[in-house]
Protein backbone atom coordinates (compact mmCIF):
# COMPACT_ATOMS: atom_id res chain seq x y z
CA MET A 1 1.44 4.12 -11.75
CA GLY A 2 1.92 4.95 -8.16
CA CYS A 3 -0.55 3.98 -5.13
CA GLY A 4 -0.13 7.41 -4.01
CA TYR A 5 -1.99 7.28 -0.47
CA GLY A 6 -3.05 4.02 -0.72
CA LEU A 7 -6.67 4.85 -0.61
CA SER A 8 -8.14 2.56 -3.15
CA THR A 9 -5.71 -0.01 -2.46
CA VAL A 10 -7.10 -0.10 1.38
CA ILE A 11 -10.59 -0.24 -0.03
CA MET A 12 -9.96 -3.29 -2.20
CA ALA A 13 -8.02 -5.10 0.61
CA LYS A 14 -11.10 -4.40 2.81
CA ALA A 15 -13.47 -5.61 -0.05
CA PHE A 16 -11.42 -8.95 -0.94
CA PRO A 17 -9.81 -9.72 2.47
CA ASN A 18 -9.01 -13.26 0.79
CA SER A 19 -6.55 -11.51 -1.58
CA GLN A 20 -3.41 -9.78 -1.85
CA PHE A 21 -2.97 -6.37 -3.39
CA ILE A 22 0.35 -4.65 -4.31
CA GLY A 23 0.65 -1.05 -4.11
CA TYR A 24 3.83 0.94 -6.00
CA ASP A 25 4.95 4.54 -5.39
CA PHE A 26 8.52 6.10 -5.50
CA HIS A 27 7.12 9.10 -3.53
CA PRO A 28 8.44 8.53 -0.32
CA SER A 29 5.72 10.89 1.47
CA SER A 30 2.93 8.82 -0.24
CA ILE A 31 4.40 5.76 0.70
CA GLU A 32 4.42 6.93 4.40
CA HIS A 33 0.66 8.03 4.16
CA ALA A 34 0.04 4.82 2.40
CA ARG A 35 1.60 2.78 5.64
CA ALA A 36 -0.54 5.03 7.91
CA HIS A 37 -3.45 4.38 5.74
CA ALA A 38 -3.51 0.80 6.14
CA ARG A 39 -2.54 0.94 9.76
CA GLU A 40 -5.61 2.65 10.22
CA HIS A 41 -7.51 0.55 9.01
CA GLY A 42 -6.02 -2.59 9.84
CA VAL A 43 -4.71 -3.58 6.81
CA ALA A 44 -1.73 -5.73 6.81
CA ILE A 45 1.54 -4.86 4.90
CA CYS A 46 3.14 -8.13 4.44
CA CYS A 47 6.34 -7.11 2.62
CA GLU A 48 8.44 -3.66 1.32
CA ALA A 49 10.90 -3.32 -1.37
CA THR A 50 12.88 -0.22 -0.97
CA ALA A 51 15.18 -0.61 -3.95
CA MET A 52 14.66 -1.34 -7.64
CA VAL A 53 17.06 -3.57 -9.56
CA SER A 54 18.16 -1.99 -12.96
């Protein structure tokens, strides 16, 4: 399941600041929106993977 625009991921990250959350999505536009949403709300992105190992 993809994280889409990251809305619920940001909500959880803000509600539980001592936790880490992972969002997955394969849709480039959704990933860009999720990055922007995280930045707007001060949620750090600690790493990114751009390819999956088959």
